[in-house]
Amino acid sequence: MPAFSQLCMGHLPVKILKRRKRRPLKFGVMRTQGSADDEQGTRWGSGAYLSPKDLVVHVRDVSHPETELQKATVLAALRGLRLPAPLLDSVLEVHNKVDLVPGYSPSGSQAVAVSALLGHGLPELRARLEDAVLRATGRQVLTLRVRLAGAQLSWLHQEATVLDVDVIPEAGAADVRVVISSSAYSKFRKLFPESASQ
């Protein structure tokens, strides 16, 4: 059975399928929390499920002489799992070991060049992963101006993930940076129409 671990990528909790020493995988699956119980998911491996809301991340060694063959093999294996076309089209490729290939530049918009050893490209990778997870989960990052005297801040703490609160004492308000789902944001606007995103 695949081994899962928790990762908190900034403010976004996700699960990552890890490589096992005795059963190497050529690709991993990044899962947003809660998607494992999706009834419309696709069975993958022994006991794991892929949902259309999941993100597939393919990390490959671009310094390897057969890197393109490895890519083709992984993509064929993913197609063999009968994954939904949108999921296959959104595979994020992480091109690792670019420090060993002078002048390397990835081709394609779904690829990020990194050197895990030297740390090159990791901020861009993190941003791309956060963006993909936000899209997959229907969430967005917003800054909302709320009144300190009202129930808005408490509501946001209950219904969203509060990232930062910048209090503006002279205005009796705060700018609150949150990760919030579209449905929760709609509720917030109905409950507190005087608040607007910045």
Protein backbone atom coordinates (compact mmCIF):
# COMPACT_ATOMS: atom_id res chain seq x y z
CA MET A 1 0.00 0.00 0.00
CA PRO A 2 1.37 3.47 -0.87
CA ALA A 3 2.73 5.51 2.00
CA PHE A 4 1.21 8.96 2.45
CA SER A 5 2.60 11.85 4.43
CA GLN A 6 1.25 15.26 5.33
CA LEU A 7 2.83 18.40 3.99
CA CYS A 8 1.75 21.89 4.82
CA MET A 9 2.78 23.98 1.88
CA GLY A 10 2.48 27.45 3.37
CA HIS A 11 -1.20 27.47 4.25
CA LEU A 12 -2.32 24.60 2.03
CA PRO A 13 -2.42 21.14 3.59
CA VAL A 14 -1.75 18.44 1.02
CA LYS A 15 -0.76 14.81 0.98
CA ILE A 16 2.08 13.48 -1.12
CA LEU A 17 2.56 9.92 -2.26
CA LYS A 18 6.10 9.02 -1.26
CA ARG A 19 8.56 6.76 -3.01
CA ARG A 20 9.08 3.45 -1.29
CA LYS A 21 12.55 2.00 -1.27
CA ARG A 22 11.48 -1.45 -2.43
CA ARG A 23 8.88 -0.32 -4.95
CA PRO A 24 10.16 2.76 -6.78
CA LEU A 25 7.61 4.98 -8.47
CA LYS A 26 8.44 7.19 -11.39
CA PHE A 27 5.71 9.64 -10.48
CA GLY A 28 3.91 10.87 -7.39
CA VAL A 29 0.42 12.08 -6.72
CA MET A 30 -0.33 15.23 -4.81
CA ARG A 31 -3.71 15.03 -3.15
CA THR A 32 -5.66 17.82 -1.57
CA GLN A 33 -7.10 16.96 1.82
CA GLY A 34 -10.48 15.29 1.68
CA SER A 35 -10.25 14.17 -1.92
CA ALA A 36 -9.48 10.55 -1.00
CA ASP A 37 -13.14 9.95 -0.25
CA ASP A 38 -14.38 11.32 -3.56
CA GLU A 39 -16.86 8.75 -4.83
CA GLN A 40 -16.02 9.61 -8.44
CA GLY A 41 -12.30 9.02 -7.90
CA THR A 42 -10.29 6.54 -9.94
CA ARG A 43 -8.72 3.55 -8.20
CA TRP A 44 -4.95 3.72 -8.36
CA GLY A 45 -2.55 1.17 -6.94
CA SER A 46 -3.76 -0.68 -3.87
CA GLY A 47 -6.25 1.39 -1.96
CA ALA A 48 -5.40 4.87 -3.26
CA TYR A 49 -7.83 6.91 -5.33
CA LEU A 50 -7.34 9.75 -7.74
CA SER A 51 -9.97 12.43 -7.96
CA PRO A 52 -10.38 14.89 -10.82
CA LYS A 53 -9.41 17.55 -8.29
CA ASP A 54 -5.98 16.04 -7.66
CA LEU A 55 -2.71 17.22 -9.04
CA VAL A 56 -0.12 14.94 -10.57
CA VAL A 57 3.48 16.10 -10.16
CA HIS A 58 6.15 14.35 -12.22
CA VAL A 59 9.69 14.96 -10.92
CA ARG A 60 12.39 13.90 -13.32
CA ASP A 61 16.15 14.03 -13.54
CA VAL A 62 16.88 16.11 -16.64
CA SER A 63 20.58 15.26 -16.45
CA HIS A 64 19.81 11.58 -17.11
CA PRO A 65 20.64 10.52 -20.69
CA GLU A 66 17.22 8.88 -21.12
CA THR A 67 15.14 11.62 -19.54
CA GLU A 68 12.76 11.91 -22.52
CA LEU A 69 12.18 8.14 -22.59
CA GLN A 70 11.45 8.23 -18.85
CA LYS A 71 8.94 11.03 -19.42
CA ALA A 72 7.19 9.03 -22.15
CA THR A 73 7.07 5.94 -19.92
CA VAL A 74 5.52 7.87 -17.04
CA LEU A 75 2.94 9.55 -19.25
CA ALA A 76 2.02 6.19 -20.78
CA ALA A 77 1.58 4.72 -17.28
CA LEU A 78 -0.66 7.65 -16.30
CA ARG A 79 -2.76 7.24 -19.46
CA GLY A 80 -3.03 3.52 -18.63
CA LEU A 81 -4.69 4.48 -15.35
CA ARG A 82 -7.50 6.08 -17.39
CA LEU A 83 -7.19 9.39 -15.58
CA PRO A 84 -9.47 12.21 -16.66
CA ALA A 85 -8.09 14.23 -19.58
CA PRO A 86 -7.99 17.52 -17.60
CA LEU A 87 -5.82 15.84 -14.96
CA LEU A 88 -3.44 14.45 -17.59
CA ASP A 89 -3.30 17.82 -19.33
CA SER A 90 -2.35 19.56 -16.09
CA VAL A 91 0.55 17.30 -15.03
CA LEU A 92 3.18 19.55 -13.49
CA GLU A 93 6.68 18.52 -14.50
CA VAL A 94 9.52 19.30 -12.13
CA HIS A 95 12.82 19.17 -13.98
CA ASN A 96 15.39 18.43 -11.27
CA LYS A 97 19.21 18.54 -11.40
CA VAL A 98 19.29 21.48 -13.80
CA ASP A 99 22.58 22.47 -12.15
CA LEU A 100 24.15 19.54 -14.02
CA VAL A 101 22.90 20.77 -17.43
CA PRO A 102 24.47 24.17 -18.24
CA GLY A 103 22.03 26.64 -19.83
CA TYR A 104 19.02 24.35 -19.34
CA SER A 105 15.62 25.90 -19.92
CA PRO A 106 12.44 23.79 -19.73
CA SER A 107 10.16 23.59 -22.73
CA GLY A 108 6.45 23.85 -22.11
CA SER A 109 4.42 25.91 -19.69
CA GLN A 110 3.79 22.98 -17.31
CA ALA A 111 7.47 22.53 -16.42
CA VAL A 112 9.54 24.08 -13.65
CA ALA A 113 13.34 23.83 -13.63
CA VAL A 114 14.85 23.23 -10.18
CA SER A 115 18.02 22.14 -8.49
CA ALA A 116 17.03 20.52 -5.22
CA LEU A 117 20.69 20.43 -4.24
CA LEU A 118 21.31 24.15 -4.75
CA GLY A 119 17.76 25.37 -4.12
CA HIS A 120 17.37 26.99 -7.55
CA GLY A 121 13.78 27.28 -8.76
CA LEU A 122 12.20 26.14 -5.48
CA PRO A 123 10.31 29.43 -4.83
CA GLU A 124 8.79 29.21 -8.32
CA LEU A 125 7.91 25.55 -7.76
CA ARG A 126 6.22 26.36 -4.47
CA ALA A 127 4.22 29.17 -6.08
CA ARG A 128 3.15 26.90 -8.97
CA LEU A 129 2.12 24.14 -6.55
CA GLU A 130 0.14 26.55 -4.37
CA ASP A 131 -1.58 27.99 -7.44
CA ALA A 132 -2.45 24.50 -8.74
CA VAL A 133 -3.79 23.38 -5.35
CA LEU A 134 -5.86 26.56 -5.02
CA ARG A 135 -7.34 25.97 -8.50
CA ALA A 136 -8.01 22.29 -7.78
CA THR A 137 -9.77 23.06 -4.50
CA GLY A 138 -11.72 26.08 -5.74
CA ARG A 139 -10.04 28.41 -3.25
CA GLN A 140 -8.51 31.83 -3.62
CA VAL A 141 -6.28 34.14 -1.60
CA LEU A 142 -7.98 37.46 -0.83
CA THR A 143 -7.33 40.49 1.35
CA LEU A 144 -10.56 41.70 2.95
CA ARG A 145 -11.09 44.89 4.95
CA VAL A 146 -13.20 44.08 8.02
CA ARG A 147 -14.49 46.11 10.95
CA LEU A 148 -12.87 45.21 14.26
CA ALA A 149 -16.13 45.79 16.16
CA GLY A 150 -18.18 43.36 14.07
CA ALA A 151 -18.39 39.60 13.67
CA GLN A 152 -16.51 39.52 10.35
CA LEU A 153 -13.08 38.57 11.70
CA SER A 154 -14.52 35.80 13.87
CA TRP A 155 -16.52 34.49 10.91
CA LEU A 156 -13.40 34.42 8.73
CA HIS A 157 -11.49 32.48 11.39
CA GLN A 158 -14.28 29.87 11.39
CA GLU A 159 -14.95 29.63 7.65
CA ALA A 160 -11.58 30.33 6.01
CA THR A 161 -7.86 30.09 6.68
CA VAL A 162 -6.63 33.41 8.04
CA LEU A 163 -3.06 34.05 6.89
CA ASP A 164 -2.45 37.55 8.16
CA VAL A 165 -4.24 40.34 10.03
CA ASP A 166 -3.02 43.92 9.59
CA VAL A 167 -4.85 46.09 12.12
CA ILE A 168 -5.57 49.71 11.17
CA PRO A 169 -6.42 51.25 14.58
CA GLU A 170 -7.37 54.72 13.31
CA ALA A 171 -9.96 53.16 10.97
CA GLY A 172 -11.24 50.62 13.50
CA ALA A 173 -10.62 47.98 10.84
CA ALA A 174 -8.16 45.36 9.69
CA ASP A 175 -6.97 44.04 6.37
CA VAL A 176 -7.27 40.26 6.63
CA ARG A 177 -5.49 37.99 4.16
CA VAL A 178 -7.36 34.68 3.82
CA VAL A 179 -7.57 31.48 1.80
CA ILE A 180 -11.26 31.06 1.13
CA SER A 181 -13.48 28.91 -1.07
CA SER A 182 -15.75 30.55 -3.62
CA SER A 183 -18.85 29.42 -1.74
CA ALA A 184 -17.56 30.77 1.60
CA TYR A 185 -16.65 34.07 -0.05
CA SER A 186 -20.18 34.32 -1.50
CA LYS A 187 -21.62 33.75 1.99
CA PHE A 188 -19.25 36.36 3.42
CA ARG A 189 -20.38 38.96 0.85
CA LYS A 190 -24.04 38.24 1.61
CA LEU A 191 -23.53 38.41 5.38
CA PHE A 192 -21.20 41.43 5.27
CA PRO A 193 -21.90 43.42 2.09
CA GLU A 194 -19.93 46.42 3.40
CA SER A 195 -16.65 44.46 3.21
CA ALA A 196 -14.82 44.43 -0.10
CA SER A 197 -11.74 42.63 -1.34
CA GLN A 198 -8.65 44.76 -1.76
